[in-house]
Amino acid sequence: MRITKITAYGQNQPFRDGAYTCSGGRSALGFDSTIVRIDTDAGLAGWGEMAPLGAFYDPSFAAGARAALGELAPALIGADPLQTIALNRRMDHVLKGHPYAKSAIDMACWDLVGKNAEQPLAEMLGGRFGDTVALYRSVPQAEPDRMAEQARRYVAAGYTRIQVKVGLDPDEDVARIEAVRDALPRDVVLFADANSGWNTHQARRFLRATRSLDYYLEQPCDRYEENLALRADCDRPLILDESIDSLAVLMRACADRLADGITIKLARVGGITKARLIRDTAVEMGLAVTVEDTGGAEIDTAAMAHMSLSTPESARLHTVDFHNWVTVSNATGLPPCKDGKMAAPTAPGLGVTPLEEKFGKPIYVAS
């Protein structure tokens, strides 16, 4: 099988609940998604999606991903999309760094791998562990009462895992998580996610003021060394998210006994091929694993669902239903979420049918 054409589309995906605010007061009104279609000489087409959370969250932005297509796509015409490791090495040779720009291409190749084998992606990634994966829902930064009310709405909708966005003034953040905790049933699991927003002294203030609360602490500080320095003061599960951008960082975290779990974002590490290697290594090292992404709608969410369900249940933490965060759709075929859980499609590949007629004029074509 050979790649004959690569087409890219752009899609604006506004958030249903308005501005999404995380650490430092940084916010976005939606995702700016890049959707990639790869056509082959076998008559099969594969689809992928990458959507950054603005330009402030990760070292990625939509315009950068689209500009990178001009470097990557011409070099991939004629390549075999089923040879995912070889194709990733070719992309890394053509364009150094910029893993987020390669993620949608890699995802589209995995869609083709599944379609060619007539198997769903979960089966191609190791098989399904159970039928559904638990979902979390994020409560953006706001006044404590507003955050508590939004958390109540999410729990009423079936979510049992709530991520509380902190990472501003630690005293105000204490009020935020206390308000959310008081508003929810005790069986709802809380995650305090600072998105790298604190210094170590701020994180320590937060930890000491919340000793009586039960929650997971996610990515308190930006630099790896800061989180390592904080570990001795953290008497609750510590999850690394923004720090996990490669297998090398994961191996360092394991050697340092820094993390109890990790969050793998597909775009951050460069797509499914590299995410799978990190995921499998983390599972073998006994860490809790979340597989998700920086944003997107049904196409990207389908990939997250497949990767999550192919993660052993004993290691799997949860994932996120981004397609329910936004007001537009880009595919059909994703099973409805129910009771705070999500299933993966059972059709070959990603198992979804992109709504190409809604995408408008392509923003890039290579053939």
Protein backbone atom coordinates (compact mmCIF):
# COMPACT_ATOMS: atom_id res chain seq x y z
CA MET A 1 0.00 0.00 0.00
CA ARG A 2 1.26 3.48 -0.89
CA ILE A 3 0.19 7.00 0.01
CA THR A 4 -1.09 8.85 -3.04
CA LYS A 5 -2.58 12.01 -1.51
CA ILE A 6 -2.66 13.92 1.78
CA THR A 7 -5.43 16.46 2.38
CA ALA A 8 -5.89 18.70 5.41
CA TYR A 9 -8.92 20.62 6.64
CA GLY A 10 -9.43 23.13 9.42
CA GLN A 11 -12.36 23.10 11.85
CA ASN A 12 -13.22 25.61 14.57
CA GLN A 13 -14.72 23.80 17.58
CA PRO A 14 -16.28 26.21 20.13
CA PHE A 15 -16.71 25.00 23.72
CA ARG A 16 -20.27 24.34 24.87
CA ASP A 17 -19.64 25.83 28.32
CA GLY A 18 -17.85 28.99 27.20
CA ALA A 19 -14.25 29.94 27.96
CA TYR A 20 -12.05 27.16 29.33
CA THR A 21 -9.64 28.60 31.89
CA CYS A 22 -6.65 26.81 33.40
CA SER A 23 -3.57 27.84 35.39
CA GLY A 24 -2.45 31.44 35.29
CA GLY A 25 -5.86 32.52 34.02
CA ARG A 26 -5.03 31.33 30.50
CA SER A 27 -8.16 30.54 28.53
CA ALA A 28 -9.51 29.43 25.16
CA LEU A 29 -12.96 29.58 23.59
CA GLY A 30 -12.56 26.33 21.66
CA PHE A 31 -10.23 24.07 19.70
CA ASP A 32 -8.72 24.99 16.32
CA SER A 33 -8.56 21.51 14.81
CA THR A 34 -6.53 20.21 11.88
CA ILE A 35 -8.06 17.14 10.24
CA VAL A 36 -5.93 15.02 7.89
CA ARG A 37 -7.07 12.54 5.24
CA ILE A 38 -4.57 10.11 3.68
CA ASP A 39 -5.55 8.40 0.42
CA THR A 40 -3.82 5.27 -0.85
CA ASP A 41 -3.44 3.27 -4.03
CA ALA A 42 -5.46 0.49 -2.36
CA GLY A 43 -8.58 2.62 -2.39
CA LEU A 44 -8.56 3.07 1.38
CA ALA A 45 -8.52 6.42 3.17
CA GLY A 46 -7.34 7.06 6.72
CA TRP A 47 -8.24 9.99 8.96
CA GLY A 48 -6.51 11.78 11.82
CA GLU A 49 -7.01 14.90 13.92
CA MET A 50 -4.90 17.24 16.04
CA ALA A 51 -6.25 20.22 18.00
CA PRO A 52 -4.07 22.23 20.41
CA LEU A 53 -5.52 24.11 23.37
CA GLY A 54 -4.64 27.55 22.08
CA ALA A 55 -0.95 28.42 21.84
CA PHE A 56 -0.39 28.71 25.60
CA TYR A 57 -0.80 25.16 26.86
CA ASP A 58 1.86 23.10 25.07
CA PRO A 59 4.66 24.06 22.67
CA SER A 60 2.14 23.69 19.85
CA PHE A 61 -0.28 25.81 17.89
CA ALA A 62 -2.65 25.25 14.99
CA ALA A 63 -0.81 27.42 12.48
CA GLY A 64 2.40 25.58 13.26
CA ALA A 65 0.81 22.19 12.60
CA ARG A 66 -0.54 23.40 9.27
CA ALA A 67 2.74 24.97 8.19
CA ALA A 68 4.52 21.72 9.03
CA LEU A 69 2.33 19.83 6.58
CA GLY A 70 4.16 21.61 3.78
CA GLU A 71 7.40 20.06 5.02
CA LEU A 72 6.05 16.61 5.86
CA ALA A 73 3.38 15.66 3.34
CA PRO A 74 5.43 15.82 0.10
CA ALA A 75 8.04 13.52 1.67
CA LEU A 76 5.36 10.94 2.52
CA ILE A 77 3.81 10.54 -0.92
CA GLY A 78 4.69 7.02 -2.05
CA ALA A 79 5.42 5.78 1.49
CA ASP A 80 3.70 2.74 2.97
CA PRO A 81 1.27 3.99 5.67
CA LEU A 82 1.10 0.56 7.27
CA GLN A 83 4.77 0.77 8.25
CA THR A 84 4.06 3.14 11.11
CA ILE A 85 7.48 3.08 12.78
CA ALA A 86 9.31 3.57 9.48
CA LEU A 87 6.94 6.37 8.55
CA ASN A 88 7.52 8.10 11.90
CA ARG A 89 11.26 7.88 11.38
CA ARG A 90 10.82 9.45 7.97
CA MET A 91 8.80 12.32 9.48
CA ASP A 92 11.44 12.86 12.18
CA HIS A 93 14.15 12.90 9.50
CA VAL A 94 12.30 15.47 7.39
CA LEU A 95 11.20 17.71 10.29
CA LYS A 96 13.17 17.77 13.54
CA GLY A 97 10.95 18.15 16.60
CA HIS A 98 7.40 19.51 16.36
CA PRO A 99 5.78 16.20 17.38
CA TYR A 100 2.28 17.72 17.52
CA ALA A 101 2.50 18.46 13.78
CA LYS A 102 2.98 14.75 13.06
CA SER A 103 0.19 13.39 15.26
CA ALA A 104 -2.75 13.62 12.84
CA ILE A 105 -0.70 11.98 10.07
CA ASP A 106 0.30 9.13 12.38
CA MET A 107 -3.33 8.71 13.52
CA ALA A 108 -4.51 8.53 9.91
CA CYS A 109 -1.94 5.82 9.23
CA TRP A 110 -3.21 3.78 12.19
CA ASP A 111 -6.74 4.21 10.86
CA LEU A 112 -5.46 2.63 7.66
CA VAL A 113 -3.70 -0.15 9.56
CA GLY A 114 -7.01 -1.14 11.14
CA LYS A 115 -9.01 -0.81 7.95
CA ASN A 116 -6.49 -2.89 6.01
CA ALA A 117 -6.66 -5.63 8.67
CA GLU A 118 -10.45 -5.20 8.99
CA GLN A 119 -9.98 -4.78 12.74
CA PRO A 120 -10.78 -1.92 15.14
CA LEU A 121 -7.85 0.12 16.38
CA ALA A 122 -8.16 -1.20 19.96
CA GLU A 123 -7.56 -4.73 18.71
CA MET A 124 -4.53 -3.57 16.70
CA LEU A 125 -3.09 -1.93 19.83
CA GLY A 126 -3.30 -5.04 22.01
CA GLY A 127 -6.97 -5.84 22.51
CA ARG A 128 -9.82 -4.52 24.65
CA PHE A 129 -9.74 -4.60 28.41
CA GLY A 130 -13.42 -4.24 29.22
CA ASP A 131 -16.08 -2.46 27.20
CA THR A 132 -15.86 1.09 28.53
CA VAL A 133 -13.40 3.54 30.06
CA ALA A 134 -14.19 6.01 32.85
CA LEU A 135 -14.39 9.69 31.93
CA TYR A 136 -13.32 12.76 33.85
CA ARG A 137 -14.68 16.26 33.41
CA SER A 138 -12.68 19.44 34.00
CA VAL A 139 -14.01 22.38 36.00
CA PRO A 140 -12.29 25.52 34.68
CA GLN A 141 -10.94 28.13 37.07
CA ALA A 142 -13.54 30.53 38.43
CA GLU A 143 -14.92 31.66 41.77
CA PRO A 144 -15.28 28.70 44.18
CA ASP A 145 -19.09 28.80 44.20
CA ARG A 146 -19.26 28.80 40.41
CA MET A 147 -16.84 25.89 40.20
CA ALA A 148 -18.83 23.93 42.77
CA GLU A 149 -22.06 24.48 40.83
CA GLN A 150 -20.47 23.41 37.55
CA ALA A 151 -19.07 20.31 39.22
CA ARG A 152 -22.57 19.45 40.49
CA ARG A 153 -23.91 19.67 36.94
CA TYR A 154 -21.23 17.36 35.63
CA VAL A 155 -21.85 14.79 38.36
CA ALA A 156 -25.59 15.00 37.68
CA ALA A 157 -24.75 14.20 34.04
CA GLY A 158 -23.01 10.99 35.15
CA TYR A 159 -19.35 11.93 35.60
CA THR A 160 -17.74 10.44 38.70
CA ARG A 161 -14.26 11.94 38.25
CA ILE A 162 -13.85 15.70 38.46
CA GLN A 163 -10.69 17.59 37.60
CA VAL A 164 -10.49 20.88 39.49
CA LYS A 165 -8.34 23.46 37.74
CA VAL A 166 -6.00 25.14 40.20
CA GLY A 167 -2.56 26.72 39.68
CA LEU A 168 -3.22 30.34 40.62
CA ASP A 169 -2.92 31.81 44.12
CA PRO A 170 -2.60 28.73 46.39
CA ASP A 171 -4.92 30.13 49.06
CA GLU A 172 -7.63 30.80 46.48
CA ASP A 173 -7.00 27.36 45.01
CA VAL A 174 -7.60 25.79 48.42
CA ALA A 175 -10.99 27.50 48.51
CA ARG A 176 -11.73 26.17 45.03
CA ILE A 177 -11.07 22.52 45.80
CA GLU A 178 -12.77 22.74 49.21
CA ALA A 179 -15.90 24.18 47.61
CA VAL A 180 -15.98 21.44 44.96
CA ARG A 181 -15.33 18.71 47.53
CA ASP A 182 -18.14 19.97 49.79
CA ALA A 183 -20.54 20.08 46.85
CA LEU A 184 -20.07 16.50 45.68
CA PRO A 185 -20.77 12.98 46.94
CA ARG A 186 -17.79 11.33 48.61
CA ASP A 187 -17.50 8.64 45.94
CA VAL A 188 -16.64 11.25 43.29
CA VAL A 189 -12.87 11.20 42.75
CA LEU A 190 -11.16 14.60 42.64
CA PHE A 191 -8.05 15.66 40.75
CA ALA A 192 -6.35 18.97 41.53
CA ASP A 193 -4.72 19.90 38.23
CA ALA A 194 -2.35 22.87 38.35
CA ASN A 195 -1.25 22.58 34.70
CA SER A 196 2.32 23.48 35.75
CA GLY A 197 1.08 26.73 37.27
CA TRP A 198 2.76 26.75 40.69
CA ASN A 199 6.24 27.28 42.03
CA THR A 200 7.34 24.78 44.66
CA HIS A 201 6.55 27.11 47.57
CA GLN A 202 3.01 27.63 46.25
CA ALA A 203 2.50 23.90 45.75
CA ARG A 204 3.68 23.21 49.30
CA ARG A 205 1.24 25.78 50.70
CA PHE A 206 -1.59 24.08 48.82
CA LEU A 207 -0.56 20.62 49.96
CA ARG A 208 -0.28 21.56 53.60
CA ALA A 209 -3.64 23.34 53.59
CA THR A 210 -5.43 20.37 52.03
CA ARG A 211 -4.02 17.50 54.11
CA SER A 212 -7.53 16.47 55.15
CA LEU A 213 -8.83 16.20 51.57
CA ASP A 214 -8.61 13.14 49.34
CA TYR A 215 -7.50 13.95 45.79
CA TYR A 216 -4.89 13.25 43.12
CA LEU A 217 -2.36 16.04 42.45
CA GLU A 218 -1.63 16.58 38.77
CA GLN A 219 1.42 18.41 37.37
CA PRO A 220 1.87 20.99 40.14
CA CYS A 221 4.99 22.66 38.71
CA ASP A 222 6.43 23.32 35.27
CA ARG A 223 9.98 22.01 35.41
CA TYR A 224 10.73 18.37 36.07
CA GLU A 225 13.20 19.29 38.81
CA GLU A 226 10.57 21.33 40.67
CA ASN A 227 8.17 18.39 40.75
CA LEU A 228 10.95 16.11 41.91
CA ALA A 229 11.79 18.51 44.75
CA LEU A 230 8.12 18.52 45.76
CA ARG A 231 7.72 14.75 45.83
CA ALA A 232 8.76 14.33 49.47
CA ASP A 233 6.03 16.73 50.59
CA CYS A 234 3.32 15.11 48.47
CA ASP A 235 1.50 12.43 50.46
CA ARG A 236 -1.07 11.71 47.75
CA PRO A 237 -0.87 10.26 44.23
CA LEU A 238 1.19 12.51 41.95
CA ILE A 239 0.37 12.51 38.24
CA LEU A 240 2.73 13.92 35.60
CA ASP A 241 1.06 15.38 32.53
CA GLU A 242 2.85 18.26 30.81
CA SER A 243 6.25 16.75 31.70
CA ILE A 244 5.53 13.53 29.78
CA ASP A 245 6.64 14.41 26.27
CA SER A 246 8.86 11.41 25.52
CA LEU A 247 9.81 7.91 26.59
CA ALA A 248 13.07 9.31 27.95
CA VAL A 249 11.23 11.51 30.47
CA LEU A 250 9.08 8.57 31.55
CA MET A 251 12.17 6.45 32.18
CA ARG A 252 13.73 9.27 34.20
CA ALA A 253 10.56 9.64 36.28
CA CYS A 254 10.56 5.91 36.98
CA ALA A 255 14.21 5.97 38.03
CA ASP A 256 13.53 8.95 40.31
CA ARG A 257 10.36 7.37 41.69
CA LEU A 258 8.65 10.66 41.00
CA ALA A 259 5.23 9.75 39.63
CA ASP A 260 2.37 7.47 40.62
CA GLY A 261 0.78 7.95 37.23
CA ILE A 262 1.14 9.75 33.91
CA THR A 263 -1.08 11.41 31.35
CA ILE A 264 -0.13 10.75 27.73
CA LYS A 265 -1.43 13.26 25.21
CA LEU A 266 -1.25 11.94 21.66
CA ALA A 267 -0.29 15.23 20.03
CA ARG A 268 2.34 16.04 22.65
CA VAL A 269 4.34 12.88 21.96
CA GLY A 270 3.76 12.77 18.21
CA GLY A 271 0.84 10.39 17.74
CA ILE A 272 -0.32 6.86 18.44
CA THR A 273 2.96 5.12 17.51
CA LYS A 274 5.00 6.88 20.18
CA ALA A 275 2.12 7.07 22.66
CA ARG A 276 1.76 3.30 22.49
CA LEU A 277 5.43 2.78 23.38
CA ILE A 278 5.16 5.17 26.34
CA ARG A 279 1.86 3.61 27.44
CA ASP A 280 3.15 0.04 27.34
CA THR A 281 6.31 0.98 29.22
CA ALA A 282 4.35 2.82 31.91
CA VAL A 283 2.05 -0.17 32.36
CA GLU A 284 5.03 -2.49 32.80
CA MET A 285 6.50 -0.07 35.35
CA GLY A 286 3.31 -0.19 37.42
CA LEU A 287 2.10 3.37 36.83
CA ALA A 288 -1.48 4.55 36.44
CA VAL A 289 -2.06 5.66 32.85
CA THR A 290 -4.38 8.18 31.22
CA VAL A 291 -4.41 8.36 27.43
CA GLU A 292 -5.98 11.49 25.96
CA ASP A 293 -5.03 14.47 23.81
CA THR A 294 -4.87 18.24 23.74
CA GLY A 295 -8.27 18.61 22.03
CA GLY A 296 -10.48 17.65 19.11
CA ALA A 297 -13.88 16.19 18.33
CA GLU A 298 -15.07 12.71 17.30
CA ILE A 299 -12.08 11.68 15.17
CA ASP A 300 -9.55 12.40 17.89
CA THR A 301 -11.83 11.14 20.67
CA ALA A 302 -12.19 7.81 18.85
CA ALA A 303 -8.41 7.39 18.89
CA MET A 304 -8.31 8.18 22.61
CA ALA A 305 -11.08 5.68 23.30
CA HIS A 306 -9.29 2.90 21.41
CA MET A 307 -5.96 3.54 23.12
CA SER A 308 -7.63 3.78 26.52
CA LEU A 309 -9.55 0.52 26.14
CA SER A 310 -6.39 -1.28 24.99
CA THR A 311 -4.74 -0.24 28.27
CA PRO A 312 -5.11 -2.90 31.01
CA GLU A 313 -7.84 -1.96 33.49
CA SER A 314 -5.49 -2.34 36.44
CA ALA A 315 -3.33 0.47 35.02
CA ARG A 316 -6.02 2.59 33.35
CA LEU A 317 -7.09 5.76 35.12
CA HIS A 318 -9.59 7.51 32.82
CA THR A 319 -9.87 9.58 29.64
CA VAL A 320 -11.95 12.49 28.32
CA ASP A 321 -14.88 12.89 25.90
CA PHE A 322 -13.73 15.99 24.05
CA HIS A 323 -16.44 15.63 21.41
CA ASN A 324 -18.98 16.42 24.14
CA TRP A 325 -17.09 19.57 25.09
CA VAL A 326 -17.61 21.24 21.70
CA THR A 327 -20.60 22.42 19.67
CA VAL A 328 -19.64 20.89 16.31
CA SER A 329 -19.08 17.33 15.12
CA ASN A 330 -16.60 15.96 12.62
CA ALA A 331 -17.61 12.28 12.43
CA THR A 332 -20.33 9.76 13.18
CA GLY A 333 -20.00 6.29 14.69
CA LEU A 334 -18.69 7.06 18.18
CA PRO A 335 -20.92 5.26 20.73
CA PRO A 336 -22.85 7.58 23.06
CA CYS A 337 -21.30 8.13 26.47
CA LYS A 338 -23.35 6.76 29.36
CA ASP A 339 -23.01 6.94 33.14
CA GLY A 340 -19.68 8.73 32.94
CA LYS A 341 -18.11 6.09 30.69
CA MET A 342 -17.15 5.84 27.03
CA ALA A 343 -16.86 2.91 24.63
CA ALA A 344 -14.77 2.65 21.48
CA PRO A 345 -16.24 1.91 18.04
CA THR A 346 -16.17 -1.67 16.77
CA ALA A 347 -15.80 -0.89 13.04
CA PRO A 348 -12.33 -1.20 11.47
CA GLY A 349 -9.68 1.43 12.17
CA LEU A 350 -10.89 4.39 14.18
CA GLY A 351 -14.38 3.16 13.44
CA VAL A 352 -15.88 6.57 12.69
CA THR A 353 -17.11 8.14 9.45
CA PRO A 354 -15.80 11.70 9.00
CA LEU A 355 -18.32 14.35 7.93
CA GLU A 356 -16.12 15.54 5.09
CA GLU A 357 -18.95 17.47 3.48
CA LYS A 358 -18.91 19.83 6.49
CA PHE A 359 -15.21 20.61 6.37
CA GLY A 360 -15.28 23.07 3.49
CA LYS A 361 -12.33 23.76 1.24
CA PRO A 362 -9.07 21.96 2.08
CA ILE A 363 -6.34 24.09 3.64
CA TYR A 364 -3.61 21.88 2.18
CA VAL A 365 -3.29 19.17 -0.48
CA ALA A 366 -0.24 17.11 -1.47
CA SER A 367 -0.23 14.45 -4.18
